């Protein structure tokens, strides 16, 4: 009986966290992290402030949980989609990799920011980390983990193609992210819709990626 009660409480707590995270994602997307009151998250989730603070210490703590969940989903999608792409091609040592790199670059960018709302939330999250020393380390660690895992998938894909990076995986990911985010910022500042296949995805990023790889040493 005690075990059943404990399992029920665990499921109930998990359900509470799930509903709070889902409600927060919606509210954060509408108002931003800073301008979303805890009361709004609680109202949309159907819980009291007490339920909120029994699960999360702050809005930032909640967003960190959301970020970790979302990055795991994106990493799985990137890995699975990359495997699908590589399963369709046979790459030789002298073969032109541009088409395959273009498809992998597109998948890489989708893993970073599939939509405007998520990009803006991540940008705000990073900015808060710069301004708030008490959460800076946790935010930095979350982004480091995400980027490191992206690098592992990228290195694995290149290995399957008989290629390797000329710089570290961490540096390669930072270069590609910097290029992508600058292009994305330009679109947003211009008031444009995010392109499904903009020039920085279809042309620039594959070319930069190609410049960072060489045939693998046997």
Foldseek 3Di string as FASTA:
>chain_A
DVVVVVVVVVVVLVLLLVLLLVLLLVQCLVQNLVRRDSVSSCVSSVHDVVSVCVNAVGSLRSVLVVLLVLLVVLLVQLLVVLVVLLVVDDADQPDDCLVVLLVSLLSLLCSVPVADSVVVRLVVSQVVLVVDVVCVVVNVVSVVVSQVSSLVSVQVSQVSNQKHFPDHSSVLSVVSVVLSVVVVVVCVVVVHGDDSQDCCRNPVSSVVVVVGMHGDDD
